[in-house]
Protein backbone atom coordinates (compact mmCIF):
# COMPACT_ATOMS: atom_id res chain seq x y z
CA MET A 1 10.87 23.24 8.99
CA GLU A 2 9.17 20.54 6.94
CA LYS A 3 10.86 19.77 3.64
CA THR A 4 9.23 20.34 0.27
CA VAL A 5 8.17 17.26 -1.71
CA SER A 6 11.28 17.43 -3.90
CA GLU A 7 13.52 17.93 -0.87
CA ALA A 8 11.92 15.00 0.94
CA ILE A 9 12.31 12.70 -2.06
CA ALA A 10 15.97 13.68 -2.43
CA TYR A 11 16.57 13.26 1.32
CA ARG A 12 14.97 9.82 1.59
CA ARG A 13 17.46 6.97 1.63
CA SER A 14 17.05 3.37 2.72
CA THR A 15 18.56 3.63 6.19
CA ARG A 16 19.92 0.36 7.54
CA VAL A 17 21.25 1.53 10.91
CA TYR A 18 19.40 3.91 13.23
CA LYS A 19 20.48 5.96 16.21
CA ASP A 20 19.11 5.18 19.67
CA ASP A 21 17.23 8.50 19.59
CA PRO A 22 13.47 7.95 20.01
CA ILE A 23 11.00 9.25 17.46
CA ASP A 24 7.56 10.70 18.12
CA ILE A 25 4.80 8.07 17.83
CA GLU A 26 2.17 10.66 16.94
CA LYS A 27 4.29 12.10 14.14
CA VAL A 28 4.77 8.63 12.66
CA LYS A 29 1.03 8.06 12.99
CA GLN A 30 0.35 11.28 11.05
CA CYS A 31 2.65 10.02 8.31
CA LEU A 32 0.48 6.90 8.17
CA VAL A 33 -2.57 9.14 7.81
CA ASN A 34 -0.78 10.56 4.75
CA ALA A 35 -0.20 6.99 3.56
CA SER A 36 -3.94 6.34 3.67
CA LEU A 37 -4.47 9.25 1.24
CA ALA A 38 -2.49 7.51 -1.51
CA PRO A 39 -4.21 6.64 -4.78
CA THR A 40 -5.67 3.15 -4.79
CA SER A 41 -7.25 0.95 -7.44
CA SER A 42 -11.03 1.55 -7.60
CA ASN A 43 -10.70 3.39 -4.27
CA LEU A 44 -11.00 0.01 -2.52
CA GLN A 45 -8.16 0.81 -0.09
CA LEU A 46 -7.26 -2.85 0.35
CA TRP A 47 -4.56 -2.11 2.93
CA GLU A 48 -3.90 -1.95 6.64
CA PHE A 49 -0.99 -0.34 8.50
CA TYR A 50 0.42 -1.90 11.66
CA HIS A 51 2.45 0.61 13.67
CA ILE A 52 4.73 -1.33 16.01
CA THR A 53 5.99 0.47 19.11
CA ASP A 54 5.90 -2.35 21.70
CA LYS A 55 9.49 -3.38 22.55
CA ASN A 56 8.71 -7.09 22.72
CA LYS A 57 6.97 -7.12 19.35
CA LEU A 58 9.77 -5.03 17.84
CA LYS A 59 12.25 -7.69 18.94
CA ARG A 60 10.12 -10.54 17.61
CA LEU A 61 9.55 -8.80 14.29
CA ALA A 62 13.27 -8.04 13.96
CA GLU A 63 13.92 -11.78 14.33
CA ALA A 64 11.26 -12.47 11.67
CA CYS A 65 13.16 -10.00 9.45
CA PHE A 66 16.28 -12.15 9.90
CA ASN A 67 17.71 -9.66 12.41
CA GLN A 68 18.84 -7.38 9.62
CA SER A 69 20.10 -4.12 11.08
CA ALA A 70 17.32 -2.04 9.49
CA ALA A 71 14.85 -3.96 11.65
CA LYS A 72 17.02 -4.63 14.70
CA THR A 73 18.02 -0.98 15.26
CA ALA A 74 14.67 0.56 14.25
CA GLN A 75 12.91 2.59 16.93
CA GLN A 76 9.54 1.67 15.44
CA LEU A 77 8.31 -0.57 12.64
CA VAL A 78 5.44 -0.23 10.22
CA VAL A 79 4.02 -3.30 8.50
CA VAL A 80 2.05 -2.62 5.35
CA VAL A 81 -0.57 -5.33 4.92
CA VAL A 82 -2.63 -6.12 1.82
CA ARG A 83 -6.26 -7.13 2.48
CA LYS A 84 -7.57 -8.22 -0.91
CA ASP A 85 -9.98 -10.45 1.02
CA LEU A 86 -11.84 -7.32 2.18
CA TRP A 87 -12.83 -6.19 -1.32
CA ARG A 88 -16.55 -6.78 -0.75
CA LYS A 89 -16.55 -4.82 2.51
CA ARG A 90 -14.60 -1.95 0.94
CA ALA A 91 -16.92 -1.88 -2.08
CA ASN A 92 -19.94 -1.64 0.23
CA ALA A 93 -18.24 1.21 2.09
CA ASN A 94 -17.93 3.09 -1.20
CA ILE A 95 -21.62 2.49 -1.94
CA GLU A 96 -22.59 3.80 1.51
CA PHE A 97 -20.45 6.88 0.91
CA LEU A 98 -22.15 7.51 -2.44
CA ASN A 99 -25.56 7.21 -0.80
CA GLU A 100 -24.54 9.79 1.82
CA VAL A 101 -23.06 12.23 -0.69
CA TYR A 102 -26.04 12.06 -3.03
CA ASN A 103 -28.71 11.84 -0.32
CA LYS A 104 -30.20 15.27 -0.92
CA GLU A 105 -33.00 16.84 -2.87
CA GLY A 106 -32.64 18.77 -6.08
CA LEU A 107 -29.86 16.69 -7.61
CA SER A 108 -29.13 17.47 -11.24
CA GLU A 109 -29.53 14.87 -13.96
CA ARG A 110 -25.76 14.78 -14.22
CA ASP A 111 -25.38 13.99 -10.51
CA LEU A 112 -28.00 11.24 -10.69
CA LYS A 113 -26.22 9.65 -13.66
CA ARG A 114 -22.90 9.90 -11.85
CA LYS A 115 -24.32 8.19 -8.76
CA LYS A 116 -25.91 5.42 -10.82
CA MET A 117 -22.71 4.80 -12.79
CA ALA A 118 -20.52 4.69 -9.65
CA THR A 119 -22.99 2.51 -7.76
CA ASN A 120 -23.21 0.03 -10.64
CA TYR A 121 -19.42 -0.01 -10.76
CA TYR A 122 -19.22 -1.23 -7.15
CA LYS A 123 -22.29 -3.49 -7.31
CA LYS A 124 -21.59 -5.16 -10.66
CA LEU A 125 -18.13 -4.60 -12.11
CA ILE A 126 -16.09 -5.00 -8.92
CA PRO A 127 -17.75 -8.34 -8.01
CA THR A 128 -17.18 -9.51 -11.60
CA ILE A 129 -13.47 -8.72 -11.33
CA TYR A 130 -12.81 -9.85 -7.75
CA THR A 131 -15.05 -12.91 -7.35
CA ASP A 132 -13.06 -16.12 -7.73
CA PHE A 133 -12.99 -19.75 -6.64
CA LEU A 134 -9.61 -21.43 -6.26
CA GLY A 135 -8.38 -19.30 -9.14
CA ILE A 136 -10.62 -21.16 -11.62
CA LEU A 137 -13.11 -18.35 -12.26
CA GLY A 138 -10.21 -15.97 -12.79
CA TYR A 139 -8.87 -18.05 -15.70
CA ILE A 140 -12.34 -18.40 -17.22
CA LYS A 141 -12.78 -14.61 -17.07
CA PHE A 142 -9.26 -14.16 -18.43
CA PHE A 143 -9.91 -16.21 -21.56
CA VAL A 144 -13.34 -14.65 -22.12
CA PHE A 145 -11.90 -11.14 -21.80
CA GLN A 146 -9.03 -12.01 -24.18
CA VAL A 147 -11.57 -12.99 -26.83
CA VAL A 148 -13.58 -9.80 -26.29
CA GLY A 149 -10.29 -7.89 -26.42
CA LEU A 150 -9.84 -8.97 -30.04
CA PHE A 151 -12.63 -6.58 -30.95
CA LYS A 152 -12.33 -3.72 -28.45
CA PRO A 153 -10.18 -2.47 -25.56
CA ILE A 154 -11.02 -4.34 -22.36
CA TYR A 155 -9.64 -4.86 -18.87
CA ARG A 156 -7.53 -8.01 -18.93
CA GLN A 157 -6.17 -8.45 -15.37
CA THR A 158 -8.78 -10.88 -14.03
CA ARG A 159 -6.81 -13.83 -12.68
CA LEU A 160 -6.19 -14.31 -8.97
CA SER A 161 -2.52 -13.48 -9.44
CA ASP A 162 -3.46 -10.33 -11.38
CA MET A 163 -5.72 -9.05 -8.60
CA ARG A 164 -3.03 -9.72 -6.00
CA ILE A 165 -0.64 -7.59 -8.04
CA VAL A 166 -3.22 -4.81 -8.25
CA ALA A 167 -3.70 -4.82 -4.48
CA HIS A 168 0.04 -4.87 -3.79
CA LYS A 169 0.65 -1.99 -6.21
CA SER A 170 -1.84 0.14 -4.30
CA ALA A 171 -0.20 -0.80 -0.99
CA GLY A 172 3.19 0.15 -2.45
CA LEU A 173 1.88 3.60 -3.36
CA ALA A 174 0.68 4.05 0.22
CA ALA A 175 4.07 2.93 1.55
CA GLN A 176 5.81 5.52 -0.64
CA ASN A 177 3.49 8.23 0.68
CA PHE A 178 4.47 7.19 4.18
CA MET A 179 8.23 7.16 3.56
CA THR A 180 8.17 10.52 1.77
CA SER A 181 6.16 12.01 4.64
CA MET A 182 8.69 10.65 7.13
CA ALA A 183 11.55 12.13 5.13
CA ALA A 184 9.77 15.49 5.08
CA ILE A 185 9.98 15.72 8.89
CA GLY A 186 13.55 14.42 9.10
CA TYR A 187 12.71 10.81 10.00
CA ASP A 188 14.24 7.88 8.15
CA THR A 189 12.90 4.61 6.85
CA CYS A 190 13.93 1.39 5.16
CA PRO A 191 11.44 -0.78 3.25
CA MET A 192 12.19 -4.47 3.76
CA GLU A 193 10.92 -7.37 1.70
CA GLY A 194 13.26 -9.77 3.44
CA SER A 195 11.13 -11.35 6.14
CA ASP A 196 9.44 -14.58 7.13
CA THR A 197 5.98 -13.36 6.21
CA LEU A 198 4.22 -16.26 7.93
CA ARG A 199 5.91 -15.41 11.24
CA VAL A 200 5.13 -11.71 10.74
CA LYS A 201 1.46 -12.60 10.26
CA GLN A 202 1.52 -14.78 13.37
CA ILE A 203 3.11 -12.05 15.50
CA LEU A 204 0.48 -9.55 14.35
CA LYS A 205 -2.31 -12.18 14.56
CA LEU A 206 -3.41 -11.50 11.02
CA PRO A 207 -6.09 -13.59 9.29
CA ARG A 208 -5.25 -16.06 6.55
CA GLY A 209 -6.37 -13.74 3.76
CA ALA A 210 -3.95 -10.96 4.77
CA GLU A 211 -0.63 -10.61 2.93
CA ILE A 212 2.52 -8.80 3.97
CA ASN A 213 3.49 -6.11 1.48
CA MET A 214 6.58 -4.85 3.29
CA VAL A 215 8.03 -4.11 6.71
CA ILE A 216 9.40 -0.58 7.13
CA GLY A 217 12.07 0.28 9.68
CA CYS A 218 11.71 3.77 11.21
CA GLY A 219 14.10 5.97 13.13
CA ILE A 220 16.80 8.60 12.76
CA ARG A 221 19.70 7.66 10.53
CA ASP A 222 23.10 6.81 11.88
CA ASP A 223 25.88 7.94 9.53
CA LYS A 224 26.89 4.33 8.97
CA GLY A 225 23.28 3.46 8.15
CA ILE A 226 23.62 4.90 4.64
CA TYR A 227 25.74 2.37 2.81
CA GLY A 228 27.11 4.66 0.11
CA PRO A 229 26.31 7.32 -2.47
CA ARG A 230 22.96 6.98 -4.22
CA PHE A 231 23.17 5.07 -7.50
CA ARG A 232 20.58 5.40 -10.25
CA ILE A 233 20.59 4.28 -13.87
CA PRO A 234 21.11 7.38 -16.07
CA PHE A 235 17.75 9.08 -16.51
CA GLU A 236 18.04 9.11 -20.30
CA ASN A 237 18.12 5.29 -20.19
CA VAL A 238 14.72 5.09 -18.50
CA TYR A 239 12.90 8.15 -19.90
CA PHE A 240 11.06 7.96 -23.19
CA GLU A 241 8.97 10.78 -24.62
CA VAL A 242 6.39 9.36 -26.99
């Protein structure tokens, strides 16, 4: 029986050694479908998921992950990739979707305003935020927005580094969706940041603009794969009601 959300979150541990038992490719794929339903900044979905099942590529990726046991013993691997370079294509996809949804007669004034506002968002605001040239435009926008921000609330994350962070945050949310979904069906995962990201990109034949968010080992936990009791800072030290 599939676990509840709370049960899955409690069950999930970073598993560093997996059993030799195979896991179902289609079930892992469905968990990646769940990953794609994660919230994402401006609904741009600047991510891709590479589901590795080929034995040769698993071996090569494990080496790129420094042969750490979470990669070397994994039955499958998932590489979460950030594609900030696809922002224009994703924005156009949102515009096409809006045109399809609102392509009908008898729309209310409210619906027409909603379509216009959303369309302008993707045609004007998104290009303003994401367009850059060698990081220079980002700094110009940053200083302009800081000045405007003296007089009213304004979005301030306009530099190239800021937009990379935004894209990686969205990818991290998707990765968490995936790992929770895996835990819900009794599968285990381990998110790994320790990898030679250039080699990972080469193995997967990714374009220059792609960035590796994390590599996730997948399998069924071996008892020795959980390195100890879960440790968390006391909740009262991190919770603040305002």
